[in-house]
C-alpha atoms as a PDB file:
ATOM      1  CA  UNK A   1      79.751  75.967 -28.867  1.00  0.00           C
ATOM      2  CA  UNK A   2      83.682  74.704 -28.786  1.00  0.00           C
ATOM      3  CA  UNK A   3      84.601  71.516 -29.496  1.00  0.00           C
ATOM      4  CA  UNK A   4      86.599  69.337 -26.759  1.00  0.00           C
ATOM      5  CA  UNK A   5      89.281  69.248 -29.357  1.00  0.00           C
ATOM      6  CA  UNK A   6      89.697  73.123 -28.627  1.00  0.00           C
ATOM      7  CA  UNK A   7      89.839  72.858 -24.934  1.00  0.00           C
ATOM      8  CA  UNK A   8      94.072  73.062 -25.140  1.00  0.00           C
ATOM      9  CA  UNK A   9      93.889  75.740 -27.734  1.00  0.00           C
ATOM     10  CA  UNK A  10      91.468  78.005 -25.769  1.00  0.00           C
ATOM     11  CA  UNK A  11      92.979  77.265 -22.332  1.00  0.00           C
ATOM     12  CA  UNK A  12      96.366  78.416 -23.754  1.00  0.00           C
ATOM     13  CA  UNK A  13      94.990  81.532 -24.907  1.00  0.00           C
ATOM     14  CA  UNK A  14      93.164  82.364 -22.107  1.00  0.00           C
ATOM     15  CA  UNK A  15      96.088  81.916 -19.683  1.00  0.00           C
ATOM     16  CA  UNK A  16      98.117  84.057 -22.352  1.00  0.00           C
ATOM     17  CA  UNK A  17      95.379  86.792 -21.464  1.00  0.00           C
ATOM     18  CA  UNK A  18      95.180  86.575 -17.976  1.00  0.00           C
ATOM     19  CA  UNK A  19      97.327  85.537 -15.226  1.00  0.00           C
ATOM     20  CA  UNK A  20      96.111  84.021 -11.968  1.00  0.00           C
ATOM     21  CA  UNK A  21      96.922  84.011  -8.492  1.00  0.00           C
ATOM     22  CA  UNK A  22      98.270  79.653  -8.439  1.00  0.00           C
ATOM     23  CA  UNK A  23      99.968  80.507 -11.839  1.00  0.00           C
ATOM     24  CA  UNK A  24     102.009  83.423 -10.429  1.00  0.00           C
ATOM     25  CA  UNK A  25     103.219  81.274  -7.762  1.00  0.00           C
ATOM     26  CA  UNK A  26     104.280  78.927  -9.942  1.00  0.00           C
ATOM     27  CA  UNK A  27     105.823  81.109 -12.596  1.00  0.00           C
ATOM     28  CA  UNK A  28     107.719  82.565  -9.566  1.00  0.00           C
ATOM     29  CA  UNK A  29     108.724  78.853  -8.841  1.00  0.00           C
ATOM     30  CA  UNK A  30     110.066  77.722 -11.989  1.00  0.00           C
ATOM     31  CA  UNK A  31     111.150  80.960 -13.421  1.00  0.00           C
ATOM     32  CA  UNK A  32     109.027  80.902 -16.550  1.00  0.00           C
ATOM     33  CA  UNK A  33     105.501  81.893 -17.527  1.00  0.00           C
ATOM     34  CA  UNK A  34     103.190  78.751 -18.315  1.00  0.00           C
ATOM     35  CA  UNK A  35     102.401  78.854 -22.466  1.00  0.00           C
ATOM     36  CA  UNK A  36      99.423  76.253 -21.909  1.00  0.00           C
ATOM     37  CA  UNK A  37      96.652  74.639 -19.600  1.00  0.00           C
ATOM     38  CA  UNK A  38      97.863  73.640 -16.248  1.00  0.00           C
ATOM     39  CA  UNK A  39      97.998  69.984 -15.017  1.00  0.00           C
ATOM     40  CA  UNK A  40      99.285  68.301 -11.999  1.00  0.00           C
ATOM     41  CA  UNK A  41      99.593  64.890 -10.316  1.00  0.00           C
ATOM     42  CA  UNK A  42      98.787  63.914  -6.950  1.00  0.00           C
ATOM     43  CA  UNK A  43     101.698  62.064  -5.839  1.00  0.00           C
ATOM     44  CA  UNK A  44     100.033  59.847  -3.031  1.00  0.00           C
ATOM     45  CA  UNK A  45      97.960  58.010  -5.796  1.00  0.00           C
ATOM     46  CA  UNK A  46     101.339  56.555  -7.125  1.00  0.00           C
ATOM     47  CA  UNK A  47     102.465  55.364  -3.951  1.00  0.00           C
ATOM     48  CA  UNK A  48     102.135  51.756  -4.464  1.00  0.00           C
ATOM     49  CA  UNK A  49     103.684  52.041  -7.854  1.00  0.00           C
ATOM     50  CA  UNK A  50     107.167  52.931  -6.856  1.00  0.00           C
ATOM     51  CA  UNK A  51     109.239  55.518  -4.498  1.00  0.00           C
ATOM     52  CA  UNK A  52     108.562  59.321  -4.392  1.00  0.00           C
ATOM     53  CA  UNK A  53     111.677  59.976  -6.593  1.00  0.00           C
ATOM     54  CA  UNK A  54     110.720  57.325  -8.940  1.00  0.00           C
ATOM     55  CA  UNK A  55     107.184  58.286  -9.421  1.00  0.00           C
ATOM     56  CA  UNK A  56     108.795  62.098 -10.255  1.00  0.00           C
ATOM     57  CA  UNK A  57     110.127  60.699 -13.113  1.00  0.00           C
ATOM     58  CA  UNK A  58     107.335  58.945 -14.288  1.00  0.00           C
ATOM     59  CA  UNK A  59     105.192  62.258 -13.916  1.00  0.00           C
ATOM     60  CA  UNK A  60     107.850  63.913 -16.122  1.00  0.00           C
ATOM     61  CA  UNK A  61     108.177  61.794 -18.649  1.00  0.00           C
ATOM     62  CA  UNK A  62     104.156  61.890 -18.981  1.00  0.00           C
ATOM     63  CA  UNK A  63     104.696  65.273 -19.685  1.00  0.00           C
ATOM     64  CA  UNK A  64     103.448  67.025 -16.486  1.00  0.00           C
ATOM     65  CA  UNK A  65     104.973  70.419 -15.093  1.00  0.00           C
ATOM     66  CA  UNK A  66     103.436  70.178 -11.603  1.00  0.00           C
ATOM     67  CA  UNK A  67     102.771  67.878  -8.446  1.00  0.00           C
ATOM     68  CA  UNK A  68     100.788  68.163  -5.415  1.00  0.00           C
ATOM     69  CA  UNK A  69     101.736  66.531  -2.080  1.00  0.00           C
ATOM     70  CA  UNK A  70     100.091  65.500   1.079  1.00  0.00           C
ATOM     71  CA  UNK A  71     102.931  66.103   3.829  1.00  0.00           C
ATOM     72  CA  UNK A  72     105.411  63.689   2.324  1.00  0.00           C
ATOM     73  CA  UNK A  73     108.096  66.462   3.142  1.00  0.00           C
ATOM     74  CA  UNK A  74     107.438  66.047   6.751  1.00  0.00           C
ATOM     75  CA  UNK A  75     109.588  62.933   6.558  1.00  0.00           C
ATOM     76  CA  UNK A  76     112.404  64.367   4.763  1.00  0.00           C
ATOM     77  CA  UNK A  77     115.810  64.768   6.422  1.00  0.00           C
ATOM     78  CA  UNK A  78     117.766  67.721   5.046  1.00  0.00           C
ATOM     79  CA  UNK A  79     119.814  65.966   2.524  1.00  0.00           C
ATOM     80  CA  UNK A  80     116.155  64.730   1.261  1.00  0.00           C
ATOM     81  CA  UNK A  81     115.164  68.124   0.905  1.00  0.00           C
ATOM     82  CA  UNK A  82     118.238  69.351  -1.071  1.00  0.00           C
ATOM     83  CA  UNK A  83     118.112  65.925  -3.278  1.00  0.00           C
ATOM     84  CA  UNK A  84     114.694  66.177  -4.027  1.00  0.00           C
ATOM     85  CA  UNK A  85     114.161  70.014  -4.842  1.00  0.00           C
ATOM     86  CA  UNK A  86     117.154  69.666  -7.179  1.00  0.00           C
ATOM     87  CA  UNK A  87     115.817  66.593  -9.151  1.00  0.00           C
ATOM     88  CA  UNK A  88     112.704  68.658  -9.298  1.00  0.00           C
ATOM     89  CA  UNK A  89     114.242  71.593 -10.484  1.00  0.00           C
ATOM     90  CA  UNK A  90     116.170  69.221 -13.164  1.00  0.00           C
ATOM     91  CA  UNK A  91     112.646  67.992 -14.320  1.00  0.00           C
ATOM     92  CA  UNK A  92     111.047  71.438 -14.331  1.00  0.00           C
ATOM     93  CA  UNK A  93     108.378  70.177 -11.933  1.00  0.00           C
ATOM     94  CA  UNK A  94     107.187  72.450  -9.366  1.00  0.00           C
ATOM     95  CA  UNK A  95     104.588  72.271  -6.563  1.00  0.00           C
ATOM     96  CA  UNK A  96     101.300  73.610  -7.185  1.00  0.00           C
ATOM     97  CA  UNK A  97      99.577  72.442  -4.048  1.00  0.00           C
ATOM     98  CA  UNK A  98     100.193  70.842  -0.792  1.00  0.00           C
ATOM     99  CA  UNK A  99      98.017  69.537   2.180  1.00  0.00           C
ATOM    100  CA  UNK A 100      99.731  69.021   5.518  1.00  0.00           C
ATOM    101  CA  UNK A 101      97.653  71.272   8.260  1.00  0.00           C
ATOM    102  CA  UNK A 102      96.041  68.641  10.812  1.00  0.00           C
ATOM    103  CA  UNK A 103      93.415  71.015  12.053  1.00  0.00           C
ATOM    104  CA  UNK A 104      90.163  71.631  10.690  1.00  0.00           C
ATOM    105  CA  UNK A 105      88.651  74.996  10.383  1.00  0.00           C
ATOM    106  CA  UNK A 106      85.121  73.909  11.106  1.00  0.00           C
ATOM    107  CA  UNK A 107      85.311  74.093  15.043  1.00  0.00           C
ATOM    108  CA  UNK A 108      84.728  77.174  16.782  1.00  0.00           C
ATOM    109  CA  UNK A 109      86.963  76.020  19.810  1.00  0.00           C
ATOM    110  CA  UNK A 110      89.570  75.379  17.370  1.00  0.00           C
ATOM    111  CA  UNK A 111      89.788  78.383  15.436  1.00  0.00           C
ATOM    112  CA  UNK A 112      93.183  79.736  17.248  1.00  0.00           C
ATOM    113  CA  UNK A 113      94.987  76.225  16.985  1.00  0.00           C
ATOM    114  CA  UNK A 114      94.278  76.282  13.005  1.00  0.00           C
ATOM    115  CA  UNK A 115      95.250  79.732  12.497  1.00  0.00           C
ATOM    116  CA  UNK A 116      98.507  78.958  14.583  1.00  0.00           C
ATOM    117  CA  UNK A 117      99.102  75.713  12.597  1.00  0.00           C
ATOM    118  CA  UNK A 118      98.576  77.503   9.588  1.00  0.00           C
ATOM    119  CA  UNK A 119     101.458  80.315  10.230  1.00  0.00           C
ATOM    120  CA  UNK A 120     103.674  77.654  11.415  1.00  0.00           C
ATOM    121  CA  UNK A 121     103.298  75.656   8.068  1.00  0.00           C
ATOM    122  CA  UNK A 122     103.964  78.342   5.655  1.00  0.00           C
ATOM    123  CA  UNK A 123     107.505  78.571   5.570  1.00  0.00           C
ATOM    124  CA  UNK A 124     107.601  74.916   4.652  1.00  0.00           C
ATOM    125  CA  UNK A 125     105.106  75.723   2.124  1.00  0.00           C
ATOM    126  CA  UNK A 126     107.413  78.576   0.681  1.00  0.00           C
ATOM    127  CA  UNK A 127     110.513  76.305   0.467  1.00  0.00           C
ATOM    128  CA  UNK A 128     108.431  74.331  -1.683  1.00  0.00           C
ATOM    129  CA  UNK A 129     107.754  77.110  -3.982  1.00  0.00           C
ATOM    130  CA  UNK A 130     104.280  75.975  -3.689  1.00  0.00           C
ATOM    131  CA  UNK A 131     101.305  78.428  -4.106  1.00  0.00           C
ATOM    132  CA  UNK A 132      98.453  76.719  -2.783  1.00  0.00           C
ATOM    133  CA  UNK A 133      97.375  75.070   0.437  1.00  0.00           C
ATOM    134  CA  UNK A 134      94.675  72.465   0.486  1.00  0.00           C
ATOM    135  CA  UNK A 135      92.743  72.775   3.877  1.00  0.00           C
ATOM    136  CA  UNK A 136      90.058  70.423   5.433  1.00  0.00           C
ATOM    137  CA  UNK A 137      87.090  71.307   7.661  1.00  0.00           C
ATOM    138  CA  UNK A 138      87.549  68.467  10.197  1.00  0.00           C
ATOM    139  CA  UNK A 139      85.230  66.400  12.047  1.00  0.00           C
ATOM    140  CA  UNK A 140      81.382  66.765  12.463  1.00  0.00           C
ATOM    141  CA  UNK A 141      80.395  68.235  15.762  1.00  0.00           C
ATOM    142  CA  UNK A 142      77.740  66.049  17.453  1.00  0.00           C
ATOM    143  CA  UNK A 143      74.913  68.196  18.722  1.00  0.00           C
ATOM    144  CA  UNK A 144      76.131  71.004  17.222  1.00  0.00           C
ATOM    145  CA  UNK A 145      73.055  73.474  16.338  1.00  0.00           C
ATOM    146  CA  UNK A 146      72.061  74.323  12.605  1.00  0.00           C
ATOM    147  CA  UNK A 147      74.718  76.702  10.761  1.00  0.00           C
ATOM    148  CA  UNK A 148      77.303  76.544  13.687  1.00  0.00           C
ATOM    149  CA  UNK A 149      79.922  75.050  12.131  1.00  0.00           C
ATOM    150  CA  UNK A 150      79.352  76.773   8.971  1.00  0.00           C
ATOM    151  CA  UNK A 151      79.723  79.952  10.563  1.00  0.00           C
ATOM    152  CA  UNK A 152      82.831  78.641  12.530  1.00  0.00           C
ATOM    153  CA  UNK A 153      84.117  77.906   9.132  1.00  0.00           C
ATOM    154  CA  UNK A 154      83.621  81.449   7.578  1.00  0.00           C
ATOM    155  CA  UNK A 155      84.948  83.400  10.709  1.00  0.00           C
ATOM    156  CA  UNK A 156      88.267  80.936  11.082  1.00  0.00           C
ATOM    157  CA  UNK A 157      88.719  81.033   7.203  1.00  0.00           C
ATOM    158  CA  UNK A 158      88.554  84.921   7.195  1.00  0.00           C
ATOM    159  CA  UNK A 159      91.413  84.928   9.850  1.00  0.00           C
ATOM    160  CA  UNK A 160      93.225  82.174   7.503  1.00  0.00           C
ATOM    161  CA  UNK A 161      92.861  84.824   4.474  1.00  0.00           C
ATOM    162  CA  UNK A 162      94.677  87.596   5.720  1.00  0.00           C
ATOM    163  CA  UNK A 163      97.539  84.950   6.650  1.00  0.00           C
ATOM    164  CA  UNK A 164      97.617  83.869   3.068  1.00  0.00           C
ATOM    165  CA  UNK A 165      97.416  87.234   1.771  1.00  0.00           C
ATOM    166  CA  UNK A 166     100.221  88.427   3.596  1.00  0.00           C
ATOM    167  CA  UNK A 167     102.433  85.343   2.595  1.00  0.00           C
ATOM    168  CA  UNK A 168     101.221  85.620  -1.226  1.00  0.00           C
ATOM    169  CA  UNK A 169      99.330  82.262  -1.023  1.00  0.00           C
ATOM    170  CA  UNK A 170      95.881  81.055  -1.252  1.00  0.00           C
ATOM    171  CA  UNK A 171      93.795  78.132   0.454  1.00  0.00           C
ATOM    172  CA  UNK A 172      91.516  76.086  -0.877  1.00  0.00           C
ATOM    173  CA  UNK A 173      88.975  74.383   0.963  1.00  0.00           C
ATOM    174  CA  UNK A 174      88.225  70.932   0.161  1.00  0.00           C
ATOM    175  CA  UNK A 175      85.118  68.780   0.686  1.00  0.00           C
ATOM    176  CA  UNK A 176      85.017  64.875   1.336  1.00  0.00           C
ATOM    177  CA  UNK A 177      82.501  62.538   0.825  1.00  0.00           C
ATOM    178  CA  UNK A 178      81.039  60.724   3.371  1.00  0.00           C
ATOM    179  CA  UNK A 179      81.705  57.402   2.135  1.00  0.00           C
ATOM    180  CA  UNK A 180      85.311  58.019   2.271  1.00  0.00           C
ATOM    181  CA  UNK A 181      85.419  59.932   5.621  1.00  0.00           C
ATOM    182  CA  UNK A 182      82.009  59.251   7.618  1.00  0.00           C
ATOM    183  CA  UNK A 183      82.916  61.791  10.381  1.00  0.00           C
ATOM    184  CA  UNK A 184      83.717  64.910   8.065  1.00  0.00           C
ATOM    185  CA  UNK A 185      82.016  67.950   8.365  1.00  0.00           C
ATOM    186  CA  UNK A 186      82.288  69.595   4.930  1.00  0.00           C
ATOM    187  CA  UNK A 187      81.233  66.988   2.642  1.00  0.00           C
ATOM    188  CA  UNK A 188      80.032  68.567  -0.796  1.00  0.00           C
ATOM    189  CA  UNK A 189      80.902  71.755  -2.709  1.00  0.00           C
ATOM    190  CA  UNK A 190      77.745  73.524  -2.533  1.00  0.00           C
ATOM    191  CA  UNK A 191      78.382  74.478   1.113  1.00  0.00           C
ATOM    192  CA  UNK A 192      82.064  75.105   0.079  1.00  0.00           C
ATOM    193  CA  UNK A 193      80.934  77.868  -2.077  1.00  0.00           C
ATOM    194  CA  UNK A 194      78.632  79.142   0.412  1.00  0.00           C
ATOM    195  CA  UNK A 195      81.614  79.169   2.666  1.00  0.00           C
ATOM    196  CA  UNK A 196      84.068  80.699   0.490  1.00  0.00           C
ATOM    197  CA  UNK A 197      81.163  83.467  -0.368  1.00  0.00           C
ATOM    198  CA  UNK A 198      80.967  84.063   3.238  1.00  0.00           C
ATOM    199  CA  UNK A 199      84.874  84.484   3.717  1.00  0.00           C
ATOM    200  CA  UNK A 200      84.866  87.198   0.617  1.00  0.00           C
ATOM    201  CA  UNK A 201      88.306  86.801  -0.209  1.00  0.00           C
ATOM    202  CA  UNK A 202      90.367  85.633  -3.315  1.00  0.00           C
ATOM    203  CA  UNK A 203      92.747  83.996  -1.068  1.00  0.00           C
ATOM    204  CA  UNK A 204      89.981  81.218   0.242  1.00  0.00           C
ATOM    205  CA  UNK A 205      88.493  79.206  -2.877  1.00  0.00           C
ATOM    206  CA  UNK A 206      87.324  75.448  -3.278  1.00  0.00           C
ATOM    207  CA  UNK A 207      88.731  72.337  -4.304  1.00  0.00           C
ATOM    208  CA  UNK A 208      86.457  70.980  -6.428  1.00  0.00           C
ATOM    209  CA  UNK A 209      87.146  67.204  -6.239  1.00  0.00           C
ATOM    210  CA  UNK A 210      85.104  65.817  -9.034  1.00  0.00           C
ATOM    211  CA  UNK A 211      85.739  62.071  -7.727  1.00  0.00           C
ATOM    212  CA  UNK A 212      84.360  62.979  -4.183  1.00  0.00           C
ATOM    213  CA  UNK A 213      81.393  64.898  -5.275  1.00  0.00           C
ATOM    214  CA  UNK A 214      80.311  62.440  -7.716  1.00  0.00           C
ATOM    215  CA  UNK A 215      80.174  59.850  -4.779  1.00  0.00           C
ATOM    216  CA  UNK A 216      78.318  61.853  -2.493  1.00  0.00           C
ATOM    217  CA  UNK A 217      76.210  64.044  -4.578  1.00  0.00           C
ATOM    218  CA  UNK A 218      76.556  64.108  -8.149  1.00  0.00           C
ATOM    219  CA  UNK A 219      75.240  66.895 -10.609  1.00  0.00           C
ATOM    220  CA  UNK A 220      78.874  67.733 -11.285  1.00  0.00           C
ATOM    221  CA  UNK A 221      78.635  70.024 -14.102  1.00  0.00           C
ATOM    222  CA  UNK A 222      75.810  72.482 -12.880  1.00  0.00           C
ATOM    223  CA  UNK A 223      77.605  73.366  -9.955  1.00  0.00           C
ATOM    224  CA  UNK A 224      80.921  74.143 -11.906  1.00  0.00           C
ATOM    225  CA  UNK A 225      78.850  76.425 -14.226  1.00  0.00           C
ATOM    226  CA  UNK A 226      77.160  78.581 -11.065  1.00  0.00           C
ATOM    227  CA  UNK A 227      80.193  78.452  -9.237  1.00  0.00           C
ATOM    228  CA  UNK A 228      83.306  78.617 -11.439  1.00  0.00           C
ATOM    229  CA  UNK A 229      84.756  82.082 -10.211  1.00  0.00           C
ATOM    230  CA  UNK A 230      84.989  80.406  -6.514  1.00  0.00           C
ATOM    231  CA  UNK A 231      86.787  77.284  -8.102  1.00  0.00           C
ATOM    232  CA  UNK A 232      90.845  77.306  -7.018  1.00  0.00           C
ATOM    233  CA  UNK A 233      91.948  73.887  -8.109  1.00  0.00           C
ATOM    234  CA  UNK A 234      89.926  70.687  -9.731  1.00  0.00           C
ATOM    235  CA  UNK A 235      90.897  67.180  -8.932  1.00  0.00           C
ATOM    236  CA  UNK A 236      90.243  64.167 -11.498  1.00  0.00           C
ATOM    237  CA  UNK A 237      89.430  60.540 -10.961  1.00  0.00           C
ATOM    238  CA  UNK A 238      86.727  58.246 -11.733  1.00  0.00           C
ATOM    239  CA  UNK A 239      83.864  56.631  -9.928  1.00  0.00           C
ATOM    240  CA  UNK A 240      83.843  53.821  -8.681  1.00  0.00           C
ATOM    241  CA  UNK A 241      87.431  52.760  -7.991  1.00  0.00           C
ATOM    242  CA  UNK A 242      89.348  55.891  -8.043  1.00  0.00           C
ATOM    243  CA  UNK A 243      91.139  55.341 -11.445  1.00  0.00           C
ATOM    244  CA  UNK A 244      91.819  57.212 -14.253  1.00  0.00           C
ATOM    245  CA  UNK A 245      89.153  58.970 -16.682  1.00  0.00           C
ATOM    246  CA  UNK A 246      87.227  56.465 -18.481  1.00  0.00           C
ATOM    247  CA  UNK A 247      87.103  53.421 -16.558  1.00  0.00           C
ATOM    248  CA  UNK A 248      83.756  54.520 -14.620  1.00  0.00           C
ATOM    249  CA  UNK A 249      80.500  56.576 -14.625  1.00  0.00           C
ATOM    250  CA  UNK A 250      81.943  60.008 -15.097  1.00  0.00           C
ATOM    251  CA  UNK A 251      81.767  61.361 -18.583  1.00  0.00           C
ATOM    252  CA  UNK A 252      84.679  63.471 -18.292  1.00  0.00           C
ATOM    253  CA  UNK A 253      84.643  64.384 -22.028  1.00  0.00           C
ATOM    254  CA  UNK A 254      81.400  66.782 -20.918  1.00  0.00           C
ATOM    255  CA  UNK A 255      83.153  67.897 -17.855  1.00  0.00           C
ATOM    256  CA  UNK A 256      86.107  69.167 -19.925  1.00  0.00           C
ATOM    257  CA  UNK A 257      84.011  70.775 -22.651  1.00  0.00           C
ATOM    258  CA  UNK A 258      82.297  72.755 -20.065  1.00  0.00           C
ATOM    259  CA  UNK A 259      85.580  73.939 -18.306  1.00  0.00           C
ATOM    260  CA  UNK A 260      86.386  74.864 -21.845  1.00  0.00           C
ATOM    261  CA  UNK A 261      83.258  77.104 -22.212  1.00  0.00           C
ATOM    262  CA  UNK A 262      83.618  78.430 -18.809  1.00  0.00           C
ATOM    263  CA  UNK A 263      87.142  79.706 -19.474  1.00  0.00           C
ATOM    264  CA  UNK A 264      88.820  77.810 -16.301  1.00  0.00           C
ATOM    265  CA  UNK A 265      92.384  78.444 -16.209  1.00  0.00           C
ATOM    266  CA  UNK A 266      93.604  77.105 -13.134  1.00  0.00           C
ATOM    267  CA  UNK A 267      95.165  73.315 -12.476  1.00  0.00           C
ATOM    268  CA  UNK A 268      93.443  70.183 -13.079  1.00  0.00           C
ATOM    269  CA  UNK A 269      95.096  67.397 -10.832  1.00  0.00           C
ATOM    270  CA  UNK A 270      95.445  64.039 -11.501  1.00  0.00           C
ATOM    271  CA  UNK A 271      94.446  62.117  -8.176  1.00  0.00           C
ATOM    272  CA  UNK A 272      93.687  58.364  -9.307  1.00  0.00           C
ATOM    273  CA  UNK A 273      95.452  55.057  -9.578  1.00  0.00           C
ATOM    274  CA  UNK A 274      96.415  54.211 -12.957  1.00  0.00           C
ATOM    275  CA  UNK A 275      95.105  50.557 -13.927  1.00  0.00           C
ATOM    276  CA  UNK A 276      98.009  50.452 -16.578  1.00  0.00           C
ATOM    277  CA  UNK A 277     101.860  51.774 -16.919  1.00  0.00           C
ATOM    278  CA  UNK A 278     101.720  54.782 -15.001  1.00  0.00           C
ATOM    279  CA  UNK A 279     103.597  56.848 -17.714  1.00  0.00           C
ATOM    280  CA  UNK A 280     100.863  55.851 -20.655  1.00  0.00           C
ATOM    281  CA  UNK A 281      97.927  56.388 -18.300  1.00  0.00           C
ATOM    282  CA  UNK A 282      98.957  59.623 -16.871  1.00  0.00           C
ATOM    283  CA  UNK A 283     100.043  61.040 -20.570  1.00  0.00           C
ATOM    284  CA  UNK A 284      96.462  60.284 -21.886  1.00  0.00           C
ATOM    285  CA  UNK A 285      94.754  61.444 -19.077  1.00  0.00           C
ATOM    286  CA  UNK A 286      96.855  64.704 -19.810  1.00  0.00           C
ATOM    287  CA  UNK A 287      96.309  64.598 -23.145  1.00  0.00           C
ATOM    288  CA  UNK A 288      92.397  63.859 -22.832  1.00  0.00           C
ATOM    289  CA  UNK A 289      91.628  66.800 -20.542  1.00  0.00           C
ATOM    290  CA  UNK A 290      93.812  68.917 -23.033  1.00  0.00           C
ATOM    291  CA  UNK A 291      92.142  67.951 -26.319  1.00  0.00           C
ATOM    292  CA  UNK A 292      88.928  65.758 -25.643  1.00  0.00           C
END
């Protein structure tokens, strides 16, 4: 069994040995190959600490190479696009994932609308140089029979997989706990993994958000062990409060140790509200993930 201090070394060696889909997209966007573990920051979680561009600078100062978005670009003017993309290039930061599709995939009556929105969103994603799109299920349908929304999810995501494959992108489906979103359909990774296996495409994976899963379900590590091949992205925050690891109940040391053993080579994205200085808190979170 490897020590947590070996996390960075193992992940670096694994990345050198194998290239996965998300890293290919980011390599193309940045023009260079990743030399070690991939870490990202979900930008919305920093909104109260400064402007988007101020926070980009902080993320870079903390040693990150990637960021994730939730549709901030929908408010950008053409001059904003030009300025922000140029600044990201200068900081050597790329976008590894973004959300931005409003339609959910779990409504059989809305499948055509979901697919149409996905098609329309792809040029924006490609302009960002982004490799992954975060996809949400949408609302629970009251009175729907058992299995109806799961079946609808599989069928809609099969259609999405064909579109994503043609664009060289991957979709990651994200469960949200019902403490945060009481009306959401997909609220845990166990069903998300079943849906992804039903889709049967490498272009559709699961976004394993450890914060949401701990709040709603728990048993984080066993589900990683059983389903690591279907994990396309990991999000990090502690419970309660959505602050950095070490402020709550999740033993992130054990989680990172298990990811080392499982040779996870994808992105680990920090999606928390820093309790202290943004740069130092982000830096410490990245170093903990790399070295234990």
